[in-house]
């Protein structure tokens, strides 16, 4: 697995933990992190 894939897996695990631990606030945070993750992923495609 490449570096980008590893980072996305870690982000995904972190999002799951946040949702479990924080409920509604965690959900909002997860959306924000998800948007960043998609941005990073798109940048990776263009690199």
PDB file of N, CA and C in Angstrom:
ATOM      1  N   UNK A   1       0.835  -1.197   0.000  1.00  0.00           N
ATOM      2  CA  UNK A   1       0.000   0.000   0.000  1.00  0.00           C
ATOM      3  C   UNK A   1       0.874   1.252   0.000  1.00  0.00           C
ATOM      4  N   UNK A   2       0.499   2.231  -0.807  1.00  0.00           N
ATOM      5  CA  UNK A   2       1.300   3.459  -0.862  1.00  0.00           C
ATOM      6  C   UNK A   2       0.995   4.371   0.332  1.00  0.00           C
ATOM      7  N   UNK A   3       1.791   5.420   0.450  1.00  0.00           N
ATOM      8  CA  UNK A   3       1.682   6.343   1.579  1.00  0.00           C
ATOM      9  C   UNK A   3       0.291   6.968   1.652  1.00  0.00           C
ATOM     10  N   UNK A   4      -0.224   7.366   0.495  1.00  0.00           N
ATOM     11  CA  UNK A   4      -1.522   8.019   0.430  1.00  0.00           C
ATOM     12  C   UNK A   4      -2.621   7.080   0.952  1.00  0.00           C
ATOM     13  N   UNK A   5      -2.574   5.835   0.529  1.00  0.00           N
ATOM     14  CA  UNK A   5      -3.556   4.851   0.977  1.00  0.00           C
ATOM     15  C   UNK A   5      -3.503   4.648   2.474  1.00  0.00           C
ATOM     16  N   UNK A   6      -2.294   4.586   3.024  1.00  0.00           N
ATOM     17  CA  UNK A   6      -2.132   4.419   4.468  1.00  0.00           C
ATOM     18  C   UNK A   6      -2.743   5.590   5.222  1.00  0.00           C
ATOM     19  N   UNK A   7      -2.500   6.802   4.714  1.00  0.00           N
ATOM     20  CA  UNK A   7      -3.032   8.002   5.358  1.00  0.00           C
ATOM     21  C   UNK A   7      -4.557   7.977   5.337  1.00  0.00           C
ATOM     22  N   UNK A   8      -5.138   7.618   4.191  1.00  0.00           N
ATOM     23  CA  UNK A   8      -6.595   7.571   4.085  1.00  0.00           C
ATOM     24  C   UNK A   8      -7.192   6.544   5.032  1.00  0.00           C
ATOM     25  N   UNK A   9      -6.528   5.384   5.188  1.00  0.00           N
ATOM     26  CA  UNK A   9      -7.003   4.372   6.136  1.00  0.00           C
ATOM     27  C   UNK A   9      -6.961   4.921   7.559  1.00  0.00           C
ATOM     28  N   UNK A  10      -5.868   5.605   7.905  1.00  0.00           N
ATOM     29  CA  UNK A  10      -5.750   6.190   9.247  1.00  0.00           C
ATOM     30  C   UNK A  10      -6.828   7.242   9.480  1.00  0.00           C
ATOM     31  N   UNK A  11      -7.071   8.080   8.472  1.00  0.00           N
ATOM     32  CA  UNK A  11      -8.118   9.100   8.586  1.00  0.00           C
ATOM     33  C   UNK A  11      -9.471   8.431   8.802  1.00  0.00           C
ATOM     34  N   UNK A  12      -9.736   7.376   8.037  1.00  0.00           N
ATOM     35  CA  UNK A  12     -11.005   6.670   8.157  1.00  0.00           C
ATOM     36  C   UNK A  12     -11.181   6.088   9.558  1.00  0.00           C
ATOM     37  N   UNK A  13     -10.140   5.481  10.100  1.00  0.00           N
ATOM     38  CA  UNK A  13     -10.196   4.923  11.457  1.00  0.00           C
ATOM     39  C   UNK A  13     -10.428   6.025  12.490  1.00  0.00           C
ATOM     40  N   UNK A  14      -9.754   7.153  12.287  1.00  0.00           N
ATOM     41  CA  UNK A  14      -9.916   8.290  13.192  1.00  0.00           C
ATOM     42  C   UNK A  14     -11.339   8.811  13.163  1.00  0.00           C
ATOM     43  N   UNK A  15     -11.920   8.897  11.965  1.00  0.00           N
ATOM     44  CA  UNK A  15     -13.307   9.341  11.819  1.00  0.00           C
ATOM     45  C   UNK A  15     -14.252   8.410  12.580  1.00  0.00           C
ATOM     46  N   UNK A  16     -14.047   7.114  12.429  1.00  0.00           N
ATOM     47  CA  UNK A  16     -14.889   6.147  13.140  1.00  0.00           C
ATOM     48  C   UNK A  16     -14.795   6.351  14.655  1.00  0.00           C
ATOM     49  N   UNK A  17     -13.584   6.548  15.151  1.00  0.00           N
ATOM     50  CA  UNK A  17     -13.385   6.780  16.588  1.00  0.00           C
ATOM     51  C   UNK A  17     -14.090   8.054  17.038  1.00  0.00           C
ATOM     52  N   UNK A  18     -13.990   9.107  16.231  1.00  0.00           N
ATOM     53  CA  UNK A  18     -14.614  10.379  16.585  1.00  0.00           C
ATOM     54  C   UNK A  18     -16.131  10.251  16.639  1.00  0.00           C
ATOM     55  N   UNK A  19     -16.697   9.591  15.646  1.00  0.00           N
ATOM     56  CA  UNK A  19     -18.151   9.405  15.609  1.00  0.00           C
ATOM     57  C   UNK A  19     -18.605   8.616  16.834  1.00  0.00           C
ATOM     58  N   UNK A  20     -17.879   7.547  17.157  1.00  0.00           N
ATOM     59  CA  UNK A  20     -18.226   6.721  18.317  1.00  0.00           C
ATOM     60  C   UNK A  20     -18.123   7.526  19.616  1.00  0.00           C
ATOM     61  N   UNK A  21     -17.092   8.336  19.722  1.00  0.00           N
ATOM     62  CA  UNK A  21     -16.804   9.028  20.979  1.00  0.00           C
ATOM     63  C   UNK A  21     -17.540  10.337  21.168  1.00  0.00           C
ATOM     64  N   UNK A  22     -17.971  10.977  20.088  1.00  0.00           N
ATOM     65  CA  UNK A  22     -18.435  12.352  20.196  1.00  0.00           C
ATOM     66  C   UNK A  22     -19.841  12.604  19.646  1.00  0.00           C
ATOM     67  N   UNK A  23     -20.476  11.584  19.099  1.00  0.00           N
ATOM     68  CA  UNK A  23     -21.838  11.778  18.620  1.00  0.00           C
ATOM     69  C   UNK A  23     -21.941  12.842  17.534  1.00  0.00           C
ATOM     70  N   UNK A  24     -22.801  13.826  17.772  1.00  0.00           N
ATOM     71  CA  UNK A  24     -23.118  14.825  16.755  1.00  0.00           C
ATOM     72  C   UNK A  24     -21.906  15.674  16.382  1.00  0.00           C
ATOM     73  N   UNK A  25     -21.169  16.125  17.394  1.00  0.00           N
ATOM     74  CA  UNK A  25     -19.966  16.918  17.147  1.00  0.00           C
ATOM     75  C   UNK A  25     -18.944  16.108  16.353  1.00  0.00           C
ATOM     76  N   UNK A  26     -18.812  14.833  16.714  1.00  0.00           N
ATOM     77  CA  UNK A  26     -17.911  13.938  15.986  1.00  0.00           C
ATOM     78  C   UNK A  26     -18.306  13.819  14.527  1.00  0.00           C
ATOM     79  N   UNK A  27     -19.612  13.809  14.298  1.00  0.00           N
ATOM     80  CA  UNK A  27     -20.122  13.707  12.929  1.00  0.00           C
ATOM     81  C   UNK A  27     -19.717  14.931  12.109  1.00  0.00           C
ATOM     82  N   UNK A  28     -19.878  16.107  12.673  1.00  0.00           N
ATOM     83  CA  UNK A  28     -19.490  17.338  11.984  1.00  0.00           C
ATOM     84  C   UNK A  28     -17.992  17.354  11.697  1.00  0.00           C
ATOM     85  N   UNK A  29     -17.226  16.926  12.697  1.00  0.00           N
ATOM     86  CA  UNK A  29     -15.778  16.863  12.546  1.00  0.00           C
ATOM     87  C   UNK A  29     -15.394  15.865  11.457  1.00  0.00           C
ATOM     88  N   UNK A  30     -16.098  14.735  11.436  1.00  0.00           N
ATOM     89  CA  UNK A  30     -15.831  13.705  10.437  1.00  0.00           C
ATOM     90  C   UNK A  30     -16.082  14.234   9.029  1.00  0.00           C
ATOM     91  N   UNK A  31     -17.140  15.004   8.858  1.00  0.00           N
ATOM     92  CA  UNK A  31     -17.432  15.606   7.552  1.00  0.00           C
ATOM     93  C   UNK A  31     -16.295  16.535   7.136  1.00  0.00           C
ATOM     94  N   UNK A  32     -15.832  17.368   8.061  1.00  0.00           N
ATOM     95  CA  UNK A  32     -14.739  18.290   7.775  1.00  0.00           C
ATOM     96  C   UNK A  32     -13.471  17.531   7.386  1.00  0.00           C
ATOM     97  N   UNK A  33     -13.138  16.491   8.152  1.00  0.00           N
ATOM     98  CA  UNK A  33     -11.958  15.676   7.863  1.00  0.00           C
ATOM     99  C   UNK A  33     -12.124  14.972   6.515  1.00  0.00           C
ATOM    100  N   UNK A  34     -13.343  14.499   6.255  1.00  0.00           N
ATOM    101  CA  UNK A  34     -13.626  13.837   4.983  1.00  0.00           C
ATOM    102  C   UNK A  34     -13.391  14.760   3.796  1.00  0.00           C
ATOM    103  N   UNK A  35     -13.814  16.007   3.920  1.00  0.00           N
ATOM    104  CA  UNK A  35     -13.608  16.988   2.853  1.00  0.00           C
ATOM    105  C   UNK A  35     -12.117  17.193   2.608  1.00  0.00           C
ATOM    106  N   UNK A  36     -11.355  17.320   3.693  1.00  0.00           N
ATOM    107  CA  UNK A  36      -9.898  17.460   3.581  1.00  0.00           C
ATOM    108  C   UNK A  36      -9.296  16.223   2.922  1.00  0.00           C
ATOM    109  N   UNK A  37      -9.757  15.041   3.359  1.00  0.00           N
ATOM    110  CA  UNK A  37      -9.239  13.787   2.815  1.00  0.00           C
ATOM    111  C   UNK A  37      -9.477  13.691   1.311  1.00  0.00           C
ATOM    112  N   UNK A  38     -10.667  14.081   0.871  1.00  0.00           N
ATOM    113  CA  UNK A  38     -10.971  14.072  -0.568  1.00  0.00           C
ATOM    114  C   UNK A  38     -10.062  15.052  -1.303  1.00  0.00           C
ATOM    115  N   UNK A  39      -9.848  16.215  -0.716  1.00  0.00           N
ATOM    116  CA  UNK A  39      -8.947  17.204  -1.316  1.00  0.00           C
ATOM    117  C   UNK A  39      -7.531  16.662  -1.468  1.00  0.00           C
ATOM    118  N   UNK A  40      -7.036  16.011  -0.415  1.00  0.00           N
ATOM    119  CA  UNK A  40      -5.699  15.410  -0.454  1.00  0.00           C
ATOM    120  C   UNK A  40      -5.645  14.320  -1.529  1.00  0.00           C
ATOM    121  N   UNK A  41      -6.702  13.506  -1.587  1.00  0.00           N
ATOM    122  CA  UNK A  41      -6.773  12.419  -2.568  1.00  0.00           C
ATOM    123  C   UNK A  41      -6.753  12.975  -3.994  1.00  0.00           C
ATOM    124  N   UNK A  42      -7.534  14.011  -4.240  1.00  0.00           N
ATOM    125  CA  UNK A  42      -7.567  14.631  -5.570  1.00  0.00           C
ATOM    126  C   UNK A  42      -6.208  15.233  -5.926  1.00  0.00           C
ATOM    127  N   UNK A  43      -5.569  15.860  -4.953  1.00  0.00           N
ATOM    128  CA  UNK A  43      -4.217  16.396  -5.177  1.00  0.00           C
ATOM    129  C   UNK A  43      -3.252  15.266  -5.535  1.00  0.00           C
ATOM    130  N   UNK A  44      -3.396  14.123  -4.855  1.00  0.00           N
ATOM    131  CA  UNK A  44      -2.557  12.959  -5.127  1.00  0.00           C
ATOM    132  C   UNK A  44      -2.736  12.457  -6.551  1.00  0.00           C
ATOM    133  N   UNK A  45      -3.969  12.508  -7.060  1.00  0.00           N
ATOM    134  CA  UNK A  45      -4.236  12.072  -8.433  1.00  0.00           C
ATOM    135  C   UNK A  45      -3.563  13.001  -9.435  1.00  0.00           C
ATOM    136  N   UNK A  46      -3.546  14.289  -9.113  1.00  0.00           N
ATOM    137  CA  UNK A  46      -2.977  15.279 -10.028  1.00  0.00           C
ATOM    138  C   UNK A  46      -1.455  15.342  -9.977  1.00  0.00           C
ATOM    139  N   UNK A  47      -0.875  14.825  -8.903  1.00  0.00           N
ATOM    140  CA  UNK A  47       0.576  14.912  -8.712  1.00  0.00           C
ATOM    141  C   UNK A  47       1.330  14.110  -9.766  1.00  0.00           C
TER     142      UNK A  47
END
